[in-house]
C-alpha cells in the first residue's frame, strides 16, 4: 500500500513495515502499472493486499486489507466499476 500522510508518500509492506518515500503517488502509480489501483487521492493499493471490499455510504466501496491499517480506504462511486473490473483482471 502506498499512501499519503502529512504530505509525504509512505509504503506499508506485507510484513507491516512502513517507510517514507521521496516520490509522489503519481510516480509510484506510473512505476507499477496493473499491480496497483489508485483508490483515491491518498491511496494506491496492491491487488494482493486486498482482503475484500464492502458497501460504504452513497454507493462507495470500502477496501479491507490483509495487513492491518487504521485509515478507511474508499473507492468513489465513479470509480467502483473500474475498480471491480481491475480486481477481476479485465
PDB file of N, CA and C in Angstrom:
ATOM      1  N   UNK A   1       0.847  -1.182   0.000  1.00  0.00           N
ATOM      2  CA  UNK A   1       0.000   0.000   0.000  1.00  0.00           C
ATOM      3  C   UNK A   1       0.882   1.231   0.000  1.00  0.00           C
ATOM      4  N   UNK A   2       0.637   2.132  -0.947  1.00  0.00           N
ATOM      5  CA  UNK A   2       1.260   3.448  -0.923  1.00  0.00           C
ATOM      6  C   UNK A   2       0.202   4.418  -0.428  1.00  0.00           C
ATOM      7  N   UNK A   3       0.592   5.339   0.431  1.00  0.00           N
ATOM      8  CA  UNK A   3      -0.380   6.307   0.933  1.00  0.00           C
ATOM      9  C   UNK A   3       0.316   7.610   1.304  1.00  0.00           C
ATOM     10  N   UNK A   4      -0.499   8.657   1.379  1.00  0.00           N
ATOM     11  CA  UNK A   4      -0.014   9.978   1.752  1.00  0.00           C
ATOM     12  C   UNK A   4      -0.357  10.217   3.218  1.00  0.00           C
ATOM     13  N   UNK A   5       0.655  10.617   3.984  1.00  0.00           N
ATOM     14  CA  UNK A   5       0.444  11.002   5.379  1.00  0.00           C
ATOM     15  C   UNK A   5       1.300  12.224   5.638  1.00  0.00           C
ATOM     16  N   UNK A   6       0.656  13.286   6.082  1.00  0.00           N
ATOM     17  CA  UNK A   6       1.353  14.550   6.344  1.00  0.00           C
ATOM     18  C   UNK A   6       2.156  15.018   5.128  1.00  0.00           C
ATOM     19  N   UNK A   7       1.536  14.935   3.960  1.00  0.00           N
ATOM     20  CA  UNK A   7       2.115  15.379   2.686  1.00  0.00           C
ATOM     21  C   UNK A   7       3.358  14.600   2.253  1.00  0.00           C
ATOM     22  N   UNK A   8       3.557  13.418   2.815  1.00  0.00           N
ATOM     23  CA  UNK A   8       4.694  12.573   2.448  1.00  0.00           C
ATOM     24  C   UNK A   8       4.157  11.224   1.999  1.00  0.00           C
ATOM     25  N   UNK A   9       4.732  10.667   0.924  1.00  0.00           N
ATOM     26  CA  UNK A   9       4.335   9.346   0.452  1.00  0.00           C
ATOM     27  C   UNK A   9       5.000   8.280   1.322  1.00  0.00           C
ATOM     28  N   UNK A  10       4.186   7.307   1.756  1.00  0.00           N
ATOM     29  CA  UNK A  10       4.669   6.184   2.559  1.00  0.00           C
ATOM     30  C   UNK A  10       4.317   4.886   1.854  1.00  0.00           C
ATOM     31  N   UNK A  11       5.029   3.837   2.223  1.00  0.00           N
ATOM     32  CA  UNK A  11       4.678   2.498   1.771  1.00  0.00           C
ATOM     33  C   UNK A  11       4.503   1.636   3.018  1.00  0.00           C
ATOM     34  N   UNK A  12       3.469   0.810   2.995  1.00  0.00           N
ATOM     35  CA  UNK A  12       3.242  -0.183   4.034  1.00  0.00           C
ATOM     36  C   UNK A  12       3.421  -1.540   3.378  1.00  0.00           C
ATOM     37  N   UNK A  13       4.344  -2.330   3.904  1.00  0.00           N
ATOM     38  CA  UNK A  13       4.671  -3.615   3.295  1.00  0.00           C
ATOM     39  C   UNK A  13       3.820  -4.735   3.893  1.00  0.00           C
ATOM     40  N   UNK A  14       3.877  -5.899   3.263  1.00  0.00           N
ATOM     41  CA  UNK A  14       3.127  -7.049   3.761  1.00  0.00           C
ATOM     42  C   UNK A  14       3.603  -7.494   5.141  1.00  0.00           C
ATOM     43  N   UNK A  15       4.847  -7.207   5.476  1.00  0.00           N
ATOM     44  CA  UNK A  15       5.328  -7.555   6.816  1.00  0.00           C
ATOM     45  C   UNK A  15       5.158  -6.395   7.802  1.00  0.00           C
ATOM     46  N   UNK A  16       4.258  -5.484   7.451  1.00  0.00           N
ATOM     47  CA  UNK A  16       3.794  -4.386   8.319  1.00  0.00           C
ATOM     48  C   UNK A  16       4.846  -3.323   8.603  1.00  0.00           C
ATOM     49  N   UNK A  17       5.819  -3.213   7.748  1.00  0.00           N
ATOM     50  CA  UNK A  17       6.815  -2.156   7.901  1.00  0.00           C
ATOM     51  C   UNK A  17       6.384  -0.945   7.097  1.00  0.00           C
ATOM     52  N   UNK A  18       6.661   0.209   7.637  1.00  0.00           N
ATOM     53  CA  UNK A  18       6.289   1.451   6.975  1.00  0.00           C
ATOM     54  C   UNK A  18       7.541   2.270   6.688  1.00  0.00           C
ATOM     55  N   UNK A  19       7.620   2.759   5.445  1.00  0.00           N
ATOM     56  CA  UNK A  19       8.764   3.554   5.023  1.00  0.00           C
ATOM     57  C   UNK A  19       8.285   4.827   4.344  1.00  0.00           C
ATOM     58  N   UNK A  20       9.060   5.888   4.483  1.00  0.00           N
ATOM     59  CA  UNK A  20       8.793   7.131   3.772  1.00  0.00           C
ATOM     60  C   UNK A  20       9.511   7.062   2.430  1.00  0.00           C
ATOM     61  N   UNK A  21       8.870   7.612   1.407  1.00  0.00           N
ATOM     62  CA  UNK A  21       9.460   7.651   0.069  1.00  0.00           C
ATOM     63  C   UNK A  21       9.606   9.095  -0.377  1.00  0.00           C
ATOM     64  N   UNK A  22      10.561   9.344  -1.240  1.00  0.00           N
ATOM     65  CA  UNK A  22      10.684  10.693  -1.790  1.00  0.00           C
ATOM     66  C   UNK A  22      10.161  10.732  -3.224  1.00  0.00           C
ATOM     67  N   UNK A  23       9.085  10.007  -3.448  1.00  0.00           N
ATOM     68  CA  UNK A  23       8.385  10.021  -4.733  1.00  0.00           C
ATOM     69  C   UNK A  23       6.903  10.281  -4.461  1.00  0.00           C
ATOM     70  N   UNK A  24       6.216  10.814  -5.453  1.00  0.00           N
ATOM     71  CA  UNK A  24       4.785  11.076  -5.309  1.00  0.00           C
ATOM     72  C   UNK A  24       3.986   9.807  -5.613  1.00  0.00           C
ATOM     73  N   UNK A  25       2.709   9.813  -5.242  1.00  0.00           N
ATOM     74  CA  UNK A  25       1.841   8.684  -5.588  1.00  0.00           C
ATOM     75  C   UNK A  25       1.731   8.540  -7.095  1.00  0.00           C
ATOM     76  N   UNK A  26       1.722   9.672  -7.794  1.00  0.00           N
ATOM     77  CA  UNK A  26       1.648   9.636  -9.250  1.00  0.00           C
ATOM     78  C   UNK A  26       2.854   8.912  -9.845  1.00  0.00           C
ATOM     79  N   UNK A  27       4.036   9.182  -9.297  1.00  0.00           N
ATOM     80  CA  UNK A  27       5.245   8.498  -9.778  1.00  0.00           C
ATOM     81  C   UNK A  27       5.179   7.003  -9.478  1.00  0.00           C
ATOM     82  N   UNK A  28       4.712   6.639  -8.283  1.00  0.00           N
ATOM     83  CA  UNK A  28       4.618   5.232  -7.919  1.00  0.00           C
ATOM     84  C   UNK A  28       3.581   4.520  -8.787  1.00  0.00           C
ATOM     85  N   UNK A  29       2.513   5.203  -9.114  1.00  0.00           N
ATOM     86  CA  UNK A  29       1.478   4.635  -9.985  1.00  0.00           C
ATOM     87  C   UNK A  29       2.047   4.354 -11.379  1.00  0.00           C
ATOM     88  N   UNK A  30       2.843   5.274 -11.906  1.00  0.00           N
ATOM     89  CA  UNK A  30       3.467   5.087 -13.227  1.00  0.00           C
ATOM     90  C   UNK A  30       4.476   3.938 -13.209  1.00  0.00           C
ATOM     91  N   UNK A  31       5.155   3.753 -12.087  1.00  0.00           N
ATOM     92  CA  UNK A  31       6.173   2.712 -11.979  1.00  0.00           C
ATOM     93  C   UNK A  31       5.589   1.317 -11.765  1.00  0.00           C
ATOM     94  N   UNK A  32       4.304   1.238 -11.448  1.00  0.00           N
ATOM     95  CA  UNK A  32       3.708  -0.069 -11.121  1.00  0.00           C
ATOM     96  C   UNK A  32       2.356  -0.269 -11.809  1.00  0.00           C
ATOM     97  N   UNK A  33       2.302  -0.163 -13.130  1.00  0.00           N
ATOM     98  CA  UNK A  33       1.016  -0.290 -13.822  1.00  0.00           C
ATOM     99  C   UNK A  33       0.428  -1.697 -13.667  1.00  0.00           C
ATOM    100  N   UNK A  34      -0.872  -1.748 -13.436  1.00  0.00           N
ATOM    101  CA  UNK A  34      -1.572  -3.029 -13.368  1.00  0.00           C
ATOM    102  C   UNK A  34      -1.612  -3.672 -11.996  1.00  0.00           C
ATOM    103  N   UNK A  35      -0.536  -3.572 -11.233  1.00  0.00           N
ATOM    104  CA  UNK A  35      -0.492  -4.217  -9.920  1.00  0.00           C
ATOM    105  C   UNK A  35      -1.173  -3.400  -8.831  1.00  0.00           C
ATOM    106  N   UNK A  36      -1.275  -2.103  -9.070  1.00  0.00           N
ATOM    107  CA  UNK A  36      -1.835  -1.198  -8.067  1.00  0.00           C
ATOM    108  C   UNK A  36      -3.025  -0.437  -8.644  1.00  0.00           C
ATOM    109  N   UNK A  37      -3.969  -0.109  -7.763  1.00  0.00           N
ATOM    110  CA  UNK A  37      -5.141   0.677  -8.165  1.00  0.00           C
ATOM    111  C   UNK A  37      -5.146   1.966  -7.364  1.00  0.00           C
ATOM    112  N   UNK A  38      -5.370   3.071  -8.044  1.00  0.00           N
ATOM    113  CA  UNK A  38      -5.462   4.377  -7.381  1.00  0.00           C
ATOM    114  C   UNK A  38      -6.866   4.517  -6.805  1.00  0.00           C
ATOM    115  N   UNK A  39      -7.000   4.197  -5.527  1.00  0.00           N
ATOM    116  CA  UNK A  39      -8.308   4.218  -4.865  1.00  0.00           C
ATOM    117  C   UNK A  39      -8.868   5.629  -4.788  1.00  0.00           C
ATOM    118  N   UNK A  40      -8.014   6.575  -4.461  1.00  0.00           N
ATOM    119  CA  UNK A  40      -8.396   7.984  -4.373  1.00  0.00           C
ATOM    120  C   UNK A  40      -7.118   8.807  -4.302  1.00  0.00           C
ATOM    121  N   UNK A  41      -7.214  10.061  -3.910  1.00  0.00           N
ATOM    122  CA  UNK A  41      -6.029  10.923  -3.898  1.00  0.00           C
ATOM    123  C   UNK A  41      -4.964  10.469  -2.902  1.00  0.00           C
ATOM    124  N   UNK A  42      -5.360   9.696  -1.901  1.00  0.00           N
ATOM    125  CA  UNK A  42      -4.435   9.321  -0.830  1.00  0.00           C
ATOM    126  C   UNK A  42      -3.848   7.921  -0.940  1.00  0.00           C
ATOM    127  N   UNK A  43      -4.491   7.013  -1.682  1.00  0.00           N
ATOM    128  CA  UNK A  43      -4.114   5.604  -1.610  1.00  0.00           C
ATOM    129  C   UNK A  43      -3.892   4.945  -2.968  1.00  0.00           C
ATOM    130  N   UNK A  44      -2.851   4.145  -3.028  1.00  0.00           N
ATOM    131  CA  UNK A  44      -2.531   3.305  -4.173  1.00  0.00           C
ATOM    132  C   UNK A  44      -2.399   1.890  -3.608  1.00  0.00           C
ATOM    133  N   UNK A  45      -3.349   1.018  -3.968  1.00  0.00           N
ATOM    134  CA  UNK A  45      -3.488  -0.277  -3.309  1.00  0.00           C
ATOM    135  C   UNK A  45      -3.021  -1.415  -4.204  1.00  0.00           C
ATOM    136  N   UNK A  46      -2.233  -2.315  -3.648  1.00  0.00           N
ATOM    137  CA  UNK A  46      -1.768  -3.505  -4.349  1.00  0.00           C
ATOM    138  C   UNK A  46      -2.889  -4.550  -4.358  1.00  0.00           C
ATOM    139  N   UNK A  47      -3.079  -5.193  -5.494  1.00  0.00           N
ATOM    140  CA  UNK A  47      -4.137  -6.210  -5.646  1.00  0.00           C
ATOM    141  C   UNK A  47      -4.009  -7.312  -4.591  1.00  0.00           C
ATOM    142  N   UNK A  48      -2.788  -7.751  -4.328  1.00  0.00           N
ATOM    143  CA  UNK A  48      -2.579  -8.842  -3.361  1.00  0.00           C
ATOM    144  C   UNK A  48      -2.848  -8.420  -1.920  1.00  0.00           C
ATOM    145  N   UNK A  49      -2.897  -7.121  -1.660  1.00  0.00           N
ATOM    146  CA  UNK A  49      -3.138  -6.619  -0.301  1.00  0.00           C
ATOM    147  C   UNK A  49      -4.622  -6.525   0.032  1.00  0.00           C
ATOM    148  N   UNK A  50      -5.483  -6.724  -0.967  1.00  0.00           N
ATOM    149  CA  UNK A  50      -6.928  -6.559  -0.752  1.00  0.00           C
ATOM    150  C   UNK A  50      -7.531  -7.851  -0.221  1.00  0.00           C
ATOM    151  N   UNK A  51      -8.089  -7.755   0.953  1.00  0.00           N
ATOM    152  CA  UNK A  51      -8.779  -8.896   1.564  1.00  0.00           C
ATOM    153  C   UNK A  51     -10.181  -9.010   0.973  1.00  0.00           C
ATOM    154  N   UNK A  52     -10.925  -7.893   1.006  1.00  0.00           N
ATOM    155  CA  UNK A  52     -12.251  -7.819   0.413  1.00  0.00           C
ATOM    156  C   UNK A  52     -12.687  -6.368   0.331  1.00  0.00           C
ATOM    157  N   UNK A  53     -13.858  -6.162  -0.247  1.00  0.00           N
ATOM    158  CA  UNK A  53     -14.447  -4.830  -0.364  1.00  0.00           C
ATOM    159  C   UNK A  53     -15.886  -4.925   0.089  1.00  0.00           C
ATOM    160  N   UNK A  54     -16.368  -3.852   0.683  1.00  0.00           N
ATOM    161  CA  UNK A  54     -17.748  -3.861   1.171  1.00  0.00           C
ATOM    162  C   UNK A  54     -18.429  -2.538   0.863  1.00  0.00           C
ATOM    163  N   UNK A  55     -19.741  -2.571   0.837  1.00  0.00           N
ATOM    164  CA  UNK A  55     -20.516  -1.363   0.572  1.00  0.00           C
ATOM    165  C   UNK A  55     -20.203  -0.309   1.614  1.00  0.00           C
ATOM    166  N   UNK A  56     -20.168   0.924   1.171  1.00  0.00           N
ATOM    167  CA  UNK A  56     -19.933   2.056   2.051  1.00  0.00           C
ATOM    168  C   UNK A  56     -20.967   3.107   1.682  1.00  0.00           C
ATOM    169  N   UNK A  57     -21.049   4.174   2.401  1.00  0.00           N
ATOM    170  CA  UNK A  57     -22.063   5.200   2.164  1.00  0.00           C
ATOM    171  C   UNK A  57     -22.137   5.656   0.709  1.00  0.00           C
ATOM    172  N   UNK A  58     -23.320   5.992   0.256  1.00  0.00           N
ATOM    173  CA  UNK A  58     -23.565   6.616  -1.055  1.00  0.00           C
ATOM    174  C   UNK A  58     -22.916   5.864  -2.214  1.00  0.00           C
ATOM    175  N   UNK A  59     -23.097   4.572  -2.247  1.00  0.00           N
ATOM    176  CA  UNK A  59     -22.615   3.713  -3.335  1.00  0.00           C
ATOM    177  C   UNK A  59     -21.098   3.669  -3.467  1.00  0.00           C
ATOM    178  N   UNK A  60     -20.401   3.999  -2.418  1.00  0.00           N
ATOM    179  CA  UNK A  60     -18.944   3.847  -2.401  1.00  0.00           C
ATOM    180  C   UNK A  60     -18.609   2.447  -1.922  1.00  0.00           C
ATOM    181  N   UNK A  61     -17.350   2.060  -2.100  1.00  0.00           N
ATOM    182  CA  UNK A  61     -16.866   0.800  -1.554  1.00  0.00           C
ATOM    183  C   UNK A  61     -15.753   1.085  -0.554  1.00  0.00           C
ATOM    184  N   UNK A  62     -15.705   0.286   0.500  1.00  0.00           N
ATOM    185  CA  UNK A  62     -14.605   0.332   1.452  1.00  0.00           C
ATOM    186  C   UNK A  62     -13.704  -0.856   1.149  1.00  0.00           C
ATOM    187  N   UNK A  63     -12.415  -0.621   1.123  1.00  0.00           N
ATOM    188  CA  UNK A  63     -11.432  -1.669   0.838  1.00  0.00           C
ATOM    189  C   UNK A  63     -10.830  -2.132   2.158  1.00  0.00           C
ATOM    190  N   UNK A  64     -10.873  -3.438   2.382  1.00  0.00           N
ATOM    191  CA  UNK A  64     -10.278  -4.030   3.572  1.00  0.00           C
ATOM    192  C   UNK A  64      -9.016  -4.772   3.161  1.00  0.00           C
ATOM    193  N   UNK A  65      -7.946  -4.537   3.893  1.00  0.00           N
ATOM    194  CA  UNK A  65      -6.641  -5.086   3.532  1.00  0.00           C
ATOM    195  C   UNK A  65      -6.283  -6.314   4.366  1.00  0.00           C
ATOM    196  N   UNK A  66      -5.378  -7.112   3.852  1.00  0.00           N
ATOM    197  CA  UNK A  66      -4.870  -8.265   4.593  1.00  0.00           C
ATOM    198  C   UNK A  66      -3.882  -7.816   5.669  1.00  0.00           C
ATOM    199  N   UNK A  67      -3.351  -6.614   5.540  1.00  0.00           N
ATOM    200  CA  UNK A  67      -2.441  -6.032   6.516  1.00  0.00           C
ATOM    201  C   UNK A  67      -3.227  -5.006   7.332  1.00  0.00           C
ATOM    202  N   UNK A  68      -3.127  -5.039   8.655  1.00  0.00           N
ATOM    203  CA  UNK A  68      -3.851  -4.048   9.460  1.00  0.00           C
ATOM    204  C   UNK A  68      -3.476  -2.619   9.069  1.00  0.00           C
ATOM    205  N   UNK A  69      -4.500  -1.784   8.883  1.00  0.00           N
ATOM    206  CA  UNK A  69      -4.299  -0.390   8.515  1.00  0.00           C
ATOM    207  C   UNK A  69      -5.438   0.405   9.123  1.00  0.00           C
ATOM    208  N   UNK A  70      -5.127   1.461   9.860  1.00  0.00           N
ATOM    209  CA  UNK A  70      -6.130   2.202  10.622  1.00  0.00           C
ATOM    210  C   UNK A  70      -7.082   3.036   9.774  1.00  0.00           C
ATOM    211  N   UNK A  71      -6.590   3.651   8.728  1.00  0.00           N
ATOM    212  CA  UNK A  71      -7.424   4.558   7.943  1.00  0.00           C
ATOM    213  C   UNK A  71      -8.373   3.795   7.025  1.00  0.00           C
ATOM    214  N   UNK A  72      -9.545   4.390   6.783  1.00  0.00           N
ATOM    215  CA  UNK A  72     -10.533   3.815   5.884  1.00  0.00           C
ATOM    216  C   UNK A  72     -10.146   4.156   4.447  1.00  0.00           C
ATOM    217  N   UNK A  73     -10.060   3.139   3.611  1.00  0.00           N
ATOM    218  CA  UNK A  73      -9.756   3.328   2.195  1.00  0.00           C
ATOM    219  C   UNK A  73     -11.065   3.151   1.436  1.00  0.00           C
ATOM    220  N   UNK A  74     -11.480   4.175   0.713  1.00  0.00           N
ATOM    221  CA  UNK A  74     -12.742   4.100  -0.011  1.00  0.00           C
ATOM    222  C   UNK A  74     -12.532   4.323  -1.505  1.00  0.00           C
ATOM    223  N   UNK A  75     -13.420   3.705  -2.257  1.00  0.00           N
ATOM    224  CA  UNK A  75     -13.468   3.877  -3.711  1.00  0.00           C
ATOM    225  C   UNK A  75     -14.726   4.690  -4.000  1.00  0.00           C
ATOM    226  N   UNK A  76     -14.588   5.802  -4.702  1.00  0.00           N
ATOM    227  CA  UNK A  76     -15.742   6.644  -5.010  1.00  0.00           C
ATOM    228  C   UNK A  76     -16.696   5.928  -5.951  1.00  0.00           C
ATOM    229  N   UNK A  77     -17.946   6.350  -5.939  1.00  0.00           N
ATOM    230  CA  UNK A  77     -18.947   5.698  -6.791  1.00  0.00           C
ATOM    231  C   UNK A  77     -18.589   5.802  -8.274  1.00  0.00           C
ATOM    232  N   UNK A  78     -17.851   6.847  -8.662  1.00  0.00           N
ATOM    233  CA  UNK A  78     -17.477   6.984 -10.076  1.00  0.00           C
ATOM    234  C   UNK A  78     -16.364   6.012 -10.477  1.00  0.00           C
ATOM    235  N   UNK A  79     -15.621   5.468  -9.507  1.00  0.00           N
ATOM    236  CA  UNK A  79     -14.532   4.549  -9.817  1.00  0.00           C
ATOM    237  C   UNK A  79     -14.856   3.094  -9.472  1.00  0.00           C
ATOM    238  N   UNK A  80     -16.047   2.830  -8.932  1.00  0.00           N
ATOM    239  CA  UNK A  80     -16.389   1.476  -8.490  1.00  0.00           C
ATOM    240  C   UNK A  80     -16.303   0.468  -9.634  1.00  0.00           C
ATOM    241  N   UNK A  81     -16.874   0.773 -10.783  1.00  0.00           N
ATOM    242  CA  UNK A  81     -16.850  -0.154 -11.913  1.00  0.00           C
ATOM    243  C   UNK A  81     -15.422  -0.422 -12.373  1.00  0.00           C
ATOM    244  N   UNK A  82     -14.627   0.634 -12.493  1.00  0.00           N
ATOM    245  CA  UNK A  82     -13.226   0.486 -12.889  1.00  0.00           C
ATOM    246  C   UNK A  82     -12.479  -0.395 -11.876  1.00  0.00           C
ATOM    247  N   UNK A  83     -12.718  -0.173 -10.596  1.00  0.00           N
ATOM    248  CA  UNK A  83     -12.084  -0.955  -9.524  1.00  0.00           C
ATOM    249  C   UNK A  83     -12.485  -2.426  -9.609  1.00  0.00           C
ATOM    250  N   UNK A  84     -13.771  -2.699  -9.755  1.00  0.00           N
ATOM    251  CA  UNK A  84     -14.237  -4.094  -9.824  1.00  0.00           C
ATOM    252  C   UNK A  84     -13.687  -4.801 -11.059  1.00  0.00           C
ATOM    253  N   UNK A  85     -13.612  -4.091 -12.181  1.00  0.00           N
ATOM    254  CA  UNK A  85     -13.009  -4.677 -13.389  1.00  0.00           C
ATOM    255  C   UNK A  85     -11.524  -4.974 -13.173  1.00  0.00           C
ATOM    256  N   UNK A  86     -10.815  -4.044 -12.548  1.00  0.00           N
ATOM    257  CA  UNK A  86      -9.406  -4.243 -12.242  1.00  0.00           C
ATOM    258  C   UNK A  86      -9.205  -5.442 -11.323  1.00  0.00           C
ATOM    259  N   UNK A  87     -10.050  -5.553 -10.293  1.00  0.00           N
ATOM    260  CA  UNK A  87      -9.955  -6.692  -9.361  1.00  0.00           C
ATOM    261  C   UNK A  87     -10.165  -8.016 -10.057  1.00  0.00           C
ATOM    262  N   UNK A  88     -11.095  -8.052 -11.007  1.00  0.00           N
ATOM    263  CA  UNK A  88     -11.405  -9.300 -11.696  1.00  0.00           C
ATOM    264  C   UNK A  88     -10.454  -9.577 -12.869  1.00  0.00           C
ATOM    265  N   UNK A  89      -9.508  -8.647 -13.097  1.00  0.00           N
ATOM    266  CA  UNK A  89      -8.500  -8.870 -14.119  1.00  0.00           C
ATOM    267  C   UNK A  89      -8.896  -8.462 -15.515  1.00  0.00           C
ATOM    268  N   UNK A  90      -9.953  -7.675 -15.663  1.00  0.00           N
ATOM    269  CA  UNK A  90     -10.400  -7.229 -17.002  1.00  0.00           C
ATOM    270  C   UNK A  90      -9.780  -5.899 -17.375  1.00  0.00           C
TER     271      UNK A  90
END
